[in-house]
């Protein structure tokens, strides 16, 4: 089966769809290199559940894990999000243009 670029985008958006995963990424943005147990601390779930979230983020390429001894550290890898933003910006230009045309049309109509 052929793998297309949109499969990578799909994994990125799927990973970003979950609020827990977004919270993990936000935490890594400010505290890069946290251990898995440090990342799991604020969440009201077991470590296994956090590990599953980390697996999804890793599969999407949004994080990288490194092991030093028995400690696994996690870092943010922003490239997939940059690709997603570039994709979204193409459509933002389309919608901005369409909404600008709609606004002009509505403003041009005489009031009743």
PDB file of N, CA and C in Angstrom:
ATOM      1  N   UNK A   1       0.846  -1.178   0.000  1.00  0.00           N
ATOM      2  CA  UNK A   1       0.000   0.000   0.000  1.00  0.00           C
ATOM      3  C   UNK A   1       0.891   1.241   0.000  1.00  0.00           C
ATOM      4  N   UNK A   2       0.521   2.231  -0.779  1.00  0.00           N
ATOM      5  CA  UNK A   2       1.270   3.465  -0.894  1.00  0.00           C
ATOM      6  C   UNK A   2       0.933   4.371   0.280  1.00  0.00           C
ATOM      7  N   UNK A   3       1.970   4.953   0.883  1.00  0.00           N
ATOM      8  CA  UNK A   3       1.770   5.893   1.982  1.00  0.00           C
ATOM      9  C   UNK A   3       1.922   7.308   1.445  1.00  0.00           C
ATOM     10  N   UNK A   4       0.910   8.107   1.611  1.00  0.00           N
ATOM     11  CA  UNK A   4       0.922   9.480   1.135  1.00  0.00           C
ATOM     12  C   UNK A   4       1.201  10.436   2.285  1.00  0.00           C
ATOM     13  N   UNK A   5       1.567  11.667   1.938  1.00  0.00           N
ATOM     14  CA  UNK A   5       1.830  12.709   2.931  1.00  0.00           C
ATOM     15  C   UNK A   5       0.608  12.937   3.817  1.00  0.00           C
ATOM     16  N   UNK A   6      -0.600  12.805   3.252  1.00  0.00           N
ATOM     17  CA  UNK A   6      -1.792  13.053   4.056  1.00  0.00           C
ATOM     18  C   UNK A   6      -1.964  12.003   5.149  1.00  0.00           C
ATOM     19  N   UNK A   7      -1.352  10.836   5.014  1.00  0.00           N
ATOM     20  CA  UNK A   7      -1.389   9.860   6.099  1.00  0.00           C
ATOM     21  C   UNK A   7      -0.649  10.407   7.306  1.00  0.00           C
ATOM     22  N   UNK A   8       0.464  11.099   7.060  1.00  0.00           N
ATOM     23  CA  UNK A   8       1.200  11.730   8.145  1.00  0.00           C
ATOM     24  C   UNK A   8       0.364  12.833   8.775  1.00  0.00           C
ATOM     25  N   UNK A   9      -0.312  13.621   7.938  1.00  0.00           N
ATOM     26  CA  UNK A   9      -1.196  14.658   8.463  1.00  0.00           C
ATOM     27  C   UNK A   9      -2.329  14.053   9.274  1.00  0.00           C
ATOM     28  N   UNK A  10      -2.867  12.960   8.795  1.00  0.00           N
ATOM     29  CA  UNK A  10      -3.945  12.280   9.519  1.00  0.00           C
ATOM     30  C   UNK A  10      -3.502  11.830  10.894  1.00  0.00           C
ATOM     31  N   UNK A  11      -2.298  11.266  10.968  1.00  0.00           N
ATOM     32  CA  UNK A  11      -1.767  10.845  12.275  1.00  0.00           C
ATOM     33  C   UNK A  11      -1.543  12.054  13.177  1.00  0.00           C
ATOM     34  N   UNK A  12      -1.072  13.143  12.594  1.00  0.00           N
ATOM     35  CA  UNK A  12      -0.851  14.352  13.390  1.00  0.00           C
ATOM     36  C   UNK A  12      -2.167  14.880  13.953  1.00  0.00           C
ATOM     37  N   UNK A  13      -3.172  15.025  13.091  1.00  0.00           N
ATOM     38  CA  UNK A  13      -4.461  15.542  13.559  1.00  0.00           C
ATOM     39  C   UNK A  13      -5.134  14.580  14.530  1.00  0.00           C
ATOM     40  N   UNK A  14      -4.988  13.288  14.310  1.00  0.00           N
ATOM     41  CA  UNK A  14      -5.556  12.303  15.231  1.00  0.00           C
ATOM     42  C   UNK A  14      -4.892  12.430  16.600  1.00  0.00           C
ATOM     43  N   UNK A  15      -3.589  12.587  16.612  1.00  0.00           N
ATOM     44  CA  UNK A  15      -2.876  12.730  17.880  1.00  0.00           C
ATOM     45  C   UNK A  15      -3.281  14.022  18.588  1.00  0.00           C
ATOM     46  N   UNK A  16      -3.457  15.101  17.826  1.00  0.00           N
ATOM     47  CA  UNK A  16      -3.800  16.389  18.410  1.00  0.00           C
ATOM     48  C   UNK A  16      -5.266  16.487  18.834  1.00  0.00           C
ATOM     49  N   UNK A  17      -6.082  15.540  18.412  1.00  0.00           N
ATOM     50  CA  UNK A  17      -7.513  15.588  18.718  1.00  0.00           C
ATOM     51  C   UNK A  17      -7.806  15.334  20.196  1.00  0.00           C
ATOM     52  N   UNK A  18      -6.905  14.685  20.896  1.00  0.00           N
ATOM     53  CA  UNK A  18      -7.151  14.322  22.290  1.00  0.00           C
ATOM     54  C   UNK A  18      -6.623  15.404  23.236  1.00  0.00           C
ATOM     55  N   UNK A  19      -7.440  15.864  24.193  1.00  0.00           N
ATOM     56  CA  UNK A  19      -7.002  16.926  25.103  1.00  0.00           C
ATOM     57  C   UNK A  19      -5.825  16.523  26.000  1.00  0.00           C
ATOM     58  N   UNK A  20      -5.748  15.259  26.385  1.00  0.00           N
ATOM     59  CA  UNK A  20      -4.623  14.812  27.208  1.00  0.00           C
ATOM     60  C   UNK A  20      -3.320  14.899  26.423  1.00  0.00           C
ATOM     61  N   UNK A  21      -3.359  14.486  25.167  1.00  0.00           N
ATOM     62  CA  UNK A  21      -2.151  14.557  24.343  1.00  0.00           C
ATOM     63  C   UNK A  21      -1.745  16.007  24.080  1.00  0.00           C
ATOM     64  N   UNK A  22      -2.733  16.874  23.874  1.00  0.00           N
ATOM     65  CA  UNK A  22      -2.405  18.296  23.702  1.00  0.00           C
ATOM     66  C   UNK A  22      -1.784  18.857  24.979  1.00  0.00           C
ATOM     67  N   UNK A  23      -2.267  18.432  26.125  1.00  0.00           N
ATOM     68  CA  UNK A  23      -1.706  18.888  27.400  1.00  0.00           C
ATOM     69  C   UNK A  23      -0.269  18.391  27.569  1.00  0.00           C
ATOM     70  N   UNK A  24      -0.017  17.175  27.155  1.00  0.00           N
ATOM     71  CA  UNK A  24       1.352  16.632  27.210  1.00  0.00           C
ATOM     72  C   UNK A  24       2.272  17.469  26.329  1.00  0.00           C
ATOM     73  N   UNK A  25       1.830  17.770  25.118  1.00  0.00           N
ATOM     74  CA  UNK A  25       2.648  18.577  24.204  1.00  0.00           C
ATOM     75  C   UNK A  25       2.881  19.983  24.757  1.00  0.00           C
ATOM     76  N   UNK A  26       1.861  20.573  25.355  1.00  0.00           N
ATOM     77  CA  UNK A  26       2.005  21.909  25.934  1.00  0.00           C
ATOM     78  C   UNK A  26       3.019  21.884  27.068  1.00  0.00           C
ATOM     79  N   UNK A  27       2.989  20.841  27.842  1.00  0.00           N
ATOM     80  CA  UNK A  27       3.957  20.716  28.948  1.00  0.00           C
ATOM     81  C   UNK A  27       5.366  20.558  28.404  1.00  0.00           C
ATOM     82  N   UNK A  28       5.520  19.772  27.347  1.00  0.00           N
ATOM     83  CA  UNK A  28       6.844  19.569  26.757  1.00  0.00           C
ATOM     84  C   UNK A  28       7.370  20.834  26.087  1.00  0.00           C
ATOM     85  N   UNK A  29       6.458  21.691  25.669  1.00  0.00           N
ATOM     86  CA  UNK A  29       6.875  22.952  25.054  1.00  0.00           C
ATOM     87  C   UNK A  29       7.643  23.815  26.059  1.00  0.00           C
ATOM     88  N   UNK A  30       7.212  23.781  27.319  1.00  0.00           N
ATOM     89  CA  UNK A  30       7.867  24.590  28.340  1.00  0.00           C
ATOM     90  C   UNK A  30       8.932  23.822  29.127  1.00  0.00           C
ATOM     91  N   UNK A  31       8.752  22.504  29.259  1.00  0.00           N
ATOM     92  CA  UNK A  31       9.678  21.672  30.044  1.00  0.00           C
ATOM     93  C   UNK A  31      10.167  20.501  29.211  1.00  0.00           C
ATOM     94  N   UNK A  32      11.029  20.769  28.261  1.00  0.00           N
ATOM     95  CA  UNK A  32      11.535  19.716  27.385  1.00  0.00           C
ATOM     96  C   UNK A  32      12.428  18.758  28.159  1.00  0.00           C
ATOM     97  N   UNK A  33      12.376  17.494  27.784  1.00  0.00           N
ATOM     98  CA  UNK A  33      13.251  16.495  28.395  1.00  0.00           C
ATOM     99  C   UNK A  33      12.725  15.908  29.686  1.00  0.00           C
ATOM    100  N   UNK A  34      11.430  16.067  29.968  1.00  0.00           N
ATOM    101  CA  UNK A  34      10.853  15.472  31.177  1.00  0.00           C
ATOM    102  C   UNK A  34      10.844  13.955  31.056  1.00  0.00           C
ATOM    103  N   UNK A  35      10.928  13.302  32.194  1.00  0.00           N
ATOM    104  CA  UNK A  35      10.808  11.846  32.193  1.00  0.00           C
ATOM    105  C   UNK A  35       9.332  11.473  32.045  1.00  0.00           C
ATOM    106  N   UNK A  36       9.095  10.237  31.688  1.00  0.00           N
ATOM    107  CA  UNK A  36       7.718   9.771  31.516  1.00  0.00           C
ATOM    108  C   UNK A  36       6.951   9.909  32.828  1.00  0.00           C
ATOM    109  N   UNK A  37       7.568   9.564  33.941  1.00  0.00           N
ATOM    110  CA  UNK A  37       6.868   9.674  35.227  1.00  0.00           C
ATOM    111  C   UNK A  37       6.578  11.128  35.577  1.00  0.00           C
ATOM    112  N   UNK A  38       7.474  12.049  35.242  1.00  0.00           N
ATOM    113  CA  UNK A  38       7.208  13.471  35.474  1.00  0.00           C
ATOM    114  C   UNK A  38       6.049  13.955  34.614  1.00  0.00           C
ATOM    115  N   UNK A  39       5.996  13.485  33.376  1.00  0.00           N
ATOM    116  CA  UNK A  39       4.884  13.857  32.497  1.00  0.00           C
ATOM    117  C   UNK A  39       3.559  13.322  33.018  1.00  0.00           C
ATOM    118  N   UNK A  40       3.583  12.147  33.617  1.00  0.00           N
ATOM    119  CA  UNK A  40       2.359  11.498  34.073  1.00  0.00           C
ATOM    120  C   UNK A  40       1.795  12.100  35.353  1.00  0.00           C
ATOM    121  N   UNK A  41       2.636  12.792  36.128  1.00  0.00           N
ATOM    122  CA  UNK A  41       2.227  13.294  37.446  1.00  0.00           C
ATOM    123  C   UNK A  41       0.905  14.060  37.481  1.00  0.00           C
ATOM    124  N   UNK A  42       0.694  15.061  36.622  1.00  0.00           N
ATOM    125  CA  UNK A  42      -0.519  15.866  36.778  1.00  0.00           C
ATOM    126  C   UNK A  42      -1.800  15.208  36.258  1.00  0.00           C
ATOM    127  N   UNK A  43      -1.693  14.065  35.611  1.00  0.00           N
ATOM    128  CA  UNK A  43      -2.869  13.465  34.996  1.00  0.00           C
ATOM    129  C   UNK A  43      -3.521  12.440  35.924  1.00  0.00           C
ATOM    130  N   UNK A  44      -4.861  12.487  36.020  1.00  0.00           N
ATOM    131  CA  UNK A  44      -5.575  11.553  36.902  1.00  0.00           C
ATOM    132  C   UNK A  44      -5.787  10.192  36.224  1.00  0.00           C
ATOM    133  N   UNK A  45      -4.679   9.577  35.813  1.00  0.00           N
ATOM    134  CA  UNK A  45      -4.756   8.273  35.152  1.00  0.00           C
ATOM    135  C   UNK A  45      -3.503   7.490  35.494  1.00  0.00           C
ATOM    136  N   UNK A  46      -3.560   6.209  35.229  1.00  0.00           N
ATOM    137  CA  UNK A  46      -2.412   5.363  35.524  1.00  0.00           C
ATOM    138  C   UNK A  46      -1.308   5.592  34.495  1.00  0.00           C
ATOM    139  N   UNK A  47      -0.104   5.208  34.872  1.00  0.00           N
ATOM    140  CA  UNK A  47       1.058   5.379  34.010  1.00  0.00           C
ATOM    141  C   UNK A  47       0.867   4.665  32.677  1.00  0.00           C
ATOM    142  N   UNK A  48       0.224   3.499  32.684  1.00  0.00           N
ATOM    143  CA  UNK A  48      -0.021   2.765  31.430  1.00  0.00           C
ATOM    144  C   UNK A  48      -0.843   3.583  30.442  1.00  0.00           C
ATOM    145  N   UNK A  49      -1.819   4.325  30.939  1.00  0.00           N
ATOM    146  CA  UNK A  49      -2.654   5.153  30.060  1.00  0.00           C
ATOM    147  C   UNK A  49      -1.826   6.290  29.462  1.00  0.00           C
ATOM    148  N   UNK A  50      -0.969   6.887  30.270  1.00  0.00           N
ATOM    149  CA  UNK A  50      -0.093   7.948  29.765  1.00  0.00           C
ATOM    150  C   UNK A  50       0.846   7.378  28.712  1.00  0.00           C
ATOM    151  N   UNK A  51       1.351   6.178  28.950  1.00  0.00           N
ATOM    152  CA  UNK A  51       2.248   5.526  27.981  1.00  0.00           C
ATOM    153  C   UNK A  51       1.542   5.323  26.639  1.00  0.00           C
ATOM    154  N   UNK A  52       0.264   4.981  26.672  1.00  0.00           N
ATOM    155  CA  UNK A  52      -0.486   4.810  25.418  1.00  0.00           C
ATOM    156  C   UNK A  52      -0.600   6.144  24.680  1.00  0.00           C
ATOM    157  N   UNK A  53      -0.829   7.216  25.418  1.00  0.00           N
ATOM    158  CA  UNK A  53      -0.874   8.540  24.794  1.00  0.00           C
ATOM    159  C   UNK A  53       0.485   8.881  24.183  1.00  0.00           C
ATOM    160  N   UNK A  54       1.554   8.558  24.895  1.00  0.00           N
ATOM    161  CA  UNK A  54       2.895   8.820  24.372  1.00  0.00           C
ATOM    162  C   UNK A  54       3.165   7.993  23.116  1.00  0.00           C
ATOM    163  N   UNK A  55       2.640   6.775  23.056  1.00  0.00           N
ATOM    164  CA  UNK A  55       2.797   5.943  21.854  1.00  0.00           C
ATOM    165  C   UNK A  55       2.142   6.611  20.652  1.00  0.00           C
ATOM    166  N   UNK A  56       0.946   7.159  20.843  1.00  0.00           N
ATOM    167  CA  UNK A  56       0.243   7.836  19.749  1.00  0.00           C
ATOM    168  C   UNK A  56       1.037   9.059  19.297  1.00  0.00           C
ATOM    169  N   UNK A  57       1.526   9.839  20.259  1.00  0.00           N
ATOM    170  CA  UNK A  57       2.315  11.026  19.923  1.00  0.00           C
ATOM    171  C   UNK A  57       3.610  10.649  19.210  1.00  0.00           C
ATOM    172  N   UNK A  58       4.218   9.571  19.640  1.00  0.00           N
ATOM    173  CA  UNK A  58       5.447   9.093  19.014  1.00  0.00           C
ATOM    174  C   UNK A  58       5.190   8.598  17.596  1.00  0.00           C
ATOM    175  N   UNK A  59       4.110   7.844  17.408  1.00  0.00           N
ATOM    176  CA  UNK A  59       3.755   7.347  16.075  1.00  0.00           C
ATOM    177  C   UNK A  59       3.486   8.493  15.102  1.00  0.00           C
ATOM    178  N   UNK A  60       2.964   9.600  15.624  1.00  0.00           N
ATOM    179  CA  UNK A  60       2.701  10.777  14.788  1.00  0.00           C
ATOM    180  C   UNK A  60       3.958  11.617  14.580  1.00  0.00           C
ATOM    181  N   UNK A  61       5.035  11.257  15.249  1.00  0.00           N
ATOM    182  CA  UNK A  61       6.285  11.998  15.106  1.00  0.00           C
ATOM    183  C   UNK A  61       6.336  13.283  15.908  1.00  0.00           C
ATOM    184  N   UNK A  62       5.410  13.450  16.842  1.00  0.00           N
ATOM    185  CA  UNK A  62       5.326  14.685  17.610  1.00  0.00           C
ATOM    186  C   UNK A  62       6.258  14.713  18.816  1.00  0.00           C
ATOM    187  N   UNK A  63       6.715  13.539  19.241  1.00  0.00           N
ATOM    188  CA  UNK A  63       7.659  13.468  20.352  1.00  0.00           C
ATOM    189  C   UNK A  63       8.771  12.484  20.002  1.00  0.00           C
ATOM    190  N   UNK A  64       9.878  12.633  20.714  1.00  0.00           N
ATOM    191  CA  UNK A  64      10.987  11.684  20.613  1.00  0.00           C
ATOM    192  C   UNK A  64      11.338  11.251  22.025  1.00  0.00           C
ATOM    193  N   UNK A  65      11.572   9.963  22.191  1.00  0.00           N
ATOM    194  CA  UNK A  65      11.935   9.431  23.503  1.00  0.00           C
ATOM    195  C   UNK A  65      13.385   8.969  23.477  1.00  0.00           C
ATOM    196  N   UNK A  66      14.099   9.253  24.556  1.00  0.00           N
ATOM    197  CA  UNK A  66      15.467   8.769  24.704  1.00  0.00           C
ATOM    198  C   UNK A  66      15.592   8.110  26.064  1.00  0.00           C
ATOM    199  N   UNK A  67      16.348   7.023  26.097  1.00  0.00           N
ATOM    200  CA  UNK A  67      16.504   6.275  27.334  1.00  0.00           C
ATOM    201  C   UNK A  67      17.933   6.419  27.835  1.00  0.00           C
ATOM    202  N   UNK A  68      18.055   6.844  29.089  1.00  0.00           N
ATOM    203  CA  UNK A  68      19.339   6.943  29.757  1.00  0.00           C
ATOM    204  C   UNK A  68      19.235   6.115  31.030  1.00  0.00           C
ATOM    205  N   UNK A  69      19.879   4.976  31.025  1.00  0.00           N
ATOM    206  CA  UNK A  69      19.729   4.058  32.155  1.00  0.00           C
ATOM    207  C   UNK A  69      18.306   3.531  32.189  1.00  0.00           C
ATOM    208  N   UNK A  70      17.627   3.758  33.305  1.00  0.00           N
ATOM    209  CA  UNK A  70      16.234   3.322  33.431  1.00  0.00           C
ATOM    210  C   UNK A  70      15.239   4.448  33.182  1.00  0.00           C
ATOM    211  N   UNK A  71      15.747   5.643  32.906  1.00  0.00           N
ATOM    212  CA  UNK A  71      14.886   6.813  32.732  1.00  0.00           C
ATOM    213  C   UNK A  71      14.643   7.094  31.253  1.00  0.00           C
ATOM    214  N   UNK A  72      13.379   7.225  30.901  1.00  0.00           N
ATOM    215  CA  UNK A  72      13.000   7.589  29.541  1.00  0.00           C
ATOM    216  C   UNK A  72      12.582   9.055  29.546  1.00  0.00           C
ATOM    217  N   UNK A  73      13.291   9.850  28.766  1.00  0.00           N
ATOM    218  CA  UNK A  73      12.983  11.279  28.648  1.00  0.00           C
ATOM    219  C   UNK A  73      12.228  11.523  27.345  1.00  0.00           C
ATOM    220  N   UNK A  74      11.391  12.528  27.361  1.00  0.00           N
ATOM    221  CA  UNK A  74      10.548  12.839  26.212  1.00  0.00           C
ATOM    222  C   UNK A  74      10.795  14.274  25.779  1.00  0.00           C
ATOM    223  N   UNK A  75      10.936  14.474  24.472  1.00  0.00           N
ATOM    224  CA  UNK A  75      11.122  15.810  23.913  1.00  0.00           C
ATOM    225  C   UNK A  75      10.125  16.043  22.788  1.00  0.00           C
ATOM    226  N   UNK A  76       9.759  17.272  22.617  1.00  0.00           N
ATOM    227  CA  UNK A  76       8.853  17.689  21.551  1.00  0.00           C
ATOM    228  C   UNK A  76       9.609  17.722  20.228  1.00  0.00           C
ATOM    229  N   UNK A  77       8.985  17.187  19.181  1.00  0.00           N
ATOM    230  CA  UNK A  77       9.531  17.300  17.818  1.00  0.00           C
ATOM    231  C   UNK A  77       8.478  18.001  16.972  1.00  0.00           C
ATOM    232  N   UNK A  78       8.674  19.273  16.678  1.00  0.00           N
ATOM    233  CA  UNK A  78       7.617  20.106  16.102  1.00  0.00           C
ATOM    234  C   UNK A  78       7.367  19.945  14.602  1.00  0.00           C
ATOM    235  N   UNK A  79       8.197  19.246  13.867  1.00  0.00           N
ATOM    236  CA  UNK A  79       8.050  19.201  12.408  1.00  0.00           C
ATOM    237  C   UNK A  79       6.651  18.768  11.947  1.00  0.00           C
ATOM    238  N   UNK A  80       6.051  17.714  12.512  1.00  0.00           N
ATOM    239  CA  UNK A  80       4.698  17.354  12.052  1.00  0.00           C
ATOM    240  C   UNK A  80       3.667  18.469  12.272  1.00  0.00           C
ATOM    241  N   UNK A  81       3.810  19.224  13.352  1.00  0.00           N
ATOM    242  CA  UNK A  81       2.878  20.332  13.581  1.00  0.00           C
ATOM    243  C   UNK A  81       3.117  21.454  12.585  1.00  0.00           C
ATOM    244  N   UNK A  82       4.377  21.677  12.218  1.00  0.00           N
ATOM    245  CA  UNK A  82       4.681  22.690  11.208  1.00  0.00           C
ATOM    246  C   UNK A  82       4.074  22.297   9.863  1.00  0.00           C
ATOM    247  N   UNK A  83       4.142  21.008   9.524  1.00  0.00           N
ATOM    248  CA  UNK A  83       3.529  20.526   8.281  1.00  0.00           C
ATOM    249  C   UNK A  83       2.013  20.709   8.322  1.00  0.00           C
ATOM    250  N   UNK A  84       1.409  20.422   9.475  1.00  0.00           N
ATOM    251  CA  UNK A  84      -0.037  20.586   9.624  1.00  0.00           C
ATOM    252  C   UNK A  84      -0.429  22.054   9.511  1.00  0.00           C
ATOM    253  N   UNK A  85       0.367  22.941  10.096  1.00  0.00           N
ATOM    254  CA  UNK A  85       0.080  24.375  10.001  1.00  0.00           C
ATOM    255  C   UNK A  85       0.177  24.862   8.560  1.00  0.00           C
ATOM    256  N   UNK A  86       1.162  24.374   7.829  1.00  0.00           N
ATOM    257  CA  UNK A  86       1.290  24.763   6.420  1.00  0.00           C
ATOM    258  C   UNK A  86       0.062  24.315   5.634  1.00  0.00           C
ATOM    259  N   UNK A  87      -0.422  23.121   5.912  1.00  0.00           N
ATOM    260  CA  UNK A  87      -1.617  22.597   5.237  1.00  0.00           C
ATOM    261  C   UNK A  87      -2.831  23.450   5.592  1.00  0.00           C
ATOM    262  N   UNK A  88      -2.982  23.782   6.869  1.00  0.00           N
ATOM    263  CA  UNK A  88      -4.116  24.595   7.305  1.00  0.00           C
ATOM    264  C   UNK A  88      -4.074  26.005   6.722  1.00  0.00           C
ATOM    265  N   UNK A  89      -2.882  26.563   6.584  1.00  0.00           N
ATOM    266  CA  UNK A  89      -2.762  27.924   6.069  1.00  0.00           C
ATOM    267  C   UNK A  89      -3.227  28.036   4.622  1.00  0.00           C
ATOM    268  N   UNK A  90      -3.047  26.960   3.838  1.00  0.00           N
ATOM    269  CA  UNK A  90      -3.572  26.983   2.461  1.00  0.00           C
ATOM    270  C   UNK A  90      -5.080  27.177   2.477  1.00  0.00           C
ATOM    271  N   UNK A  91      -5.759  26.489   3.372  1.00  0.00           N
ATOM    272  CA  UNK A  91      -7.207  26.593   3.443  1.00  0.00           C
ATOM    273  C   UNK A  91      -7.654  27.856   4.140  1.00  0.00           C
ATOM    274  N   UNK A  92      -6.842  28.385   5.022  1.00  0.00           N
ATOM    275  CA  UNK A  92      -7.162  29.643   5.673  1.00  0.00           C
ATOM    276  C   UNK A  92      -7.257  30.755   4.623  1.00  0.00           C
ATOM    277  N   UNK A  93      -6.329  30.755   3.667  1.00  0.00           N
ATOM    278  CA  UNK A  93      -6.370  31.760   2.597  1.00  0.00           C
ATOM    279  C   UNK A  93      -7.669  31.638   1.798  1.00  0.00           C
ATOM    280  N   UNK A  94      -8.089  30.406   1.524  1.00  0.00           N
ATOM    281  CA  UNK A  94      -9.330  30.188   0.782  1.00  0.00           C
ATOM    282  C   UNK A  94     -10.520  30.730   1.575  1.00  0.00           C
ATOM    283  N   UNK A  95     -10.629  30.339   2.849  1.00  0.00           N
ATOM    284  CA  UNK A  95     -11.776  30.762   3.643  1.00  0.00           C
ATOM    285  C   UNK A  95     -11.763  32.259   3.910  1.00  0.00           C
ATOM    286  N   UNK A  96     -10.593  32.828   4.101  1.00  0.00           N
ATOM    287  CA  UNK A  96     -10.513  34.272   4.312  1.00  0.00           C
ATOM    288  C   UNK A  96     -11.025  35.013   3.085  1.00  0.00           C
ATOM    289  N   UNK A  97     -10.601  34.567   1.910  1.00  0.00           N
ATOM    290  CA  UNK A  97     -11.078  35.194   0.676  1.00  0.00           C
ATOM    291  C   UNK A  97     -12.574  35.034   0.503  1.00  0.00           C
ATOM    292  N   UNK A  98     -13.084  33.848   0.773  1.00  0.00           N
ATOM    293  CA  UNK A  98     -14.525  33.604   0.641  1.00  0.00           C
ATOM    294  C   UNK A  98     -15.325  34.428   1.632  1.00  0.00           C
ATOM    295  N   UNK A  99     -14.855  34.508   2.859  1.00  0.00           N
ATOM    296  CA  UNK A  99     -15.573  35.284   3.867  1.00  0.00           C
ATOM    297  C   UNK A  99     -15.494  36.782   3.579  1.00  0.00           C
ATOM    298  N   UNK A 100     -14.378  37.235   3.023  1.00  0.00           N
ATOM    299  CA  UNK A 100     -14.269  38.645   2.638  1.00  0.00           C
ATOM    300  C   UNK A 100     -15.282  38.977   1.544  1.00  0.00           C
ATOM    301  N   UNK A 101     -15.444  38.064   0.578  1.00  0.00           N
ATOM    302  CA  UNK A 101     -16.434  38.278  -0.490  1.00  0.00           C
ATOM    303  C   UNK A 101     -17.846  38.310   0.083  1.00  0.00           C
ATOM    304  N   UNK A 102     -18.136  37.411   1.022  1.00  0.00           N
ATOM    305  CA  UNK A 102     -19.459  37.382   1.647  1.00  0.00           C
ATOM    306  C   UNK A 102     -19.712  38.673   2.416  1.00  0.00           C
ATOM    307  N   UNK A 103     -18.723  39.143   3.135  1.00  0.00           N
ATOM    308  CA  UNK A 103     -18.861  40.393   3.886  1.00  0.00           C
ATOM    309  C   UNK A 103     -19.143  41.560   2.942  1.00  0.00           C
ATOM    310  N   UNK A 104     -18.407  41.620   1.847  1.00  0.00           N
ATOM    311  CA  UNK A 104     -18.616  42.704   0.875  1.00  0.00           C
ATOM    312  C   UNK A 104     -20.017  42.637   0.295  1.00  0.00           C
ATOM    313  N   UNK A 105     -20.493  41.439   0.002  1.00  0.00           N
ATOM    314  CA  UNK A 105     -21.835  41.267  -0.542  1.00  0.00           C
ATOM    315  C   UNK A 105     -22.892  41.714   0.460  1.00  0.00           C
ATOM    316  N   UNK A 106     -22.738  41.309   1.699  1.00  0.00           N
ATOM    317  CA  UNK A 106     -23.716  41.677   2.724  1.00  0.00           C
ATOM    318  C   UNK A 106     -23.708  43.178   3.006  1.00  0.00           C
ATOM    319  N   UNK A 107     -22.542  43.770   2.966  1.00  0.00           N
ATOM    320  CA  UNK A 107     -22.454  45.214   3.212  1.00  0.00           C
ATOM    321  C   UNK A 107     -23.004  46.015   2.036  1.00  0.00           C
ATOM    322  N   UNK A 108     -22.990  45.444   0.844  1.00  0.00           N
ATOM    323  CA  UNK A 108     -23.472  46.146  -0.353  1.00  0.00           C
ATOM    324  C   UNK A 108     -24.995  46.119  -0.448  1.00  0.00           C
ATOM    325  N   UNK A 109     -25.668  45.175   0.235  1.00  0.00           N
ATOM    326  CA  UNK A 109     -27.129  45.085   0.161  1.00  0.00           C
ATOM    327  C   UNK A 109     -27.751  46.232   0.945  1.00  0.00           C
ATOM    328  N   UNK A 110     -28.791  46.854   0.367  1.00  0.00           N
ATOM    329  CA  UNK A 110     -29.465  47.934   1.095  1.00  0.00           C
ATOM    330  C   UNK A 110     -30.219  47.369   2.290  1.00  0.00           C
ATOM    331  N   UNK A 111     -30.243  48.156   3.352  1.00  0.00           N
ATOM    332  CA  UNK A 111     -30.968  47.733   4.547  1.00  0.00           C
ATOM    333  C   UNK A 111     -32.452  47.930   4.338  1.00  0.00           C
ATOM    334  N   UNK A 112     -33.250  47.016   4.882  1.00  0.00           N
ATOM    335  CA  UNK A 112     -34.703  47.102   4.701  1.00  0.00           C
ATOM    336  C   UNK A 112     -35.372  47.924   5.755  1.00  0.00           C
TER     337      UNK A 112
END
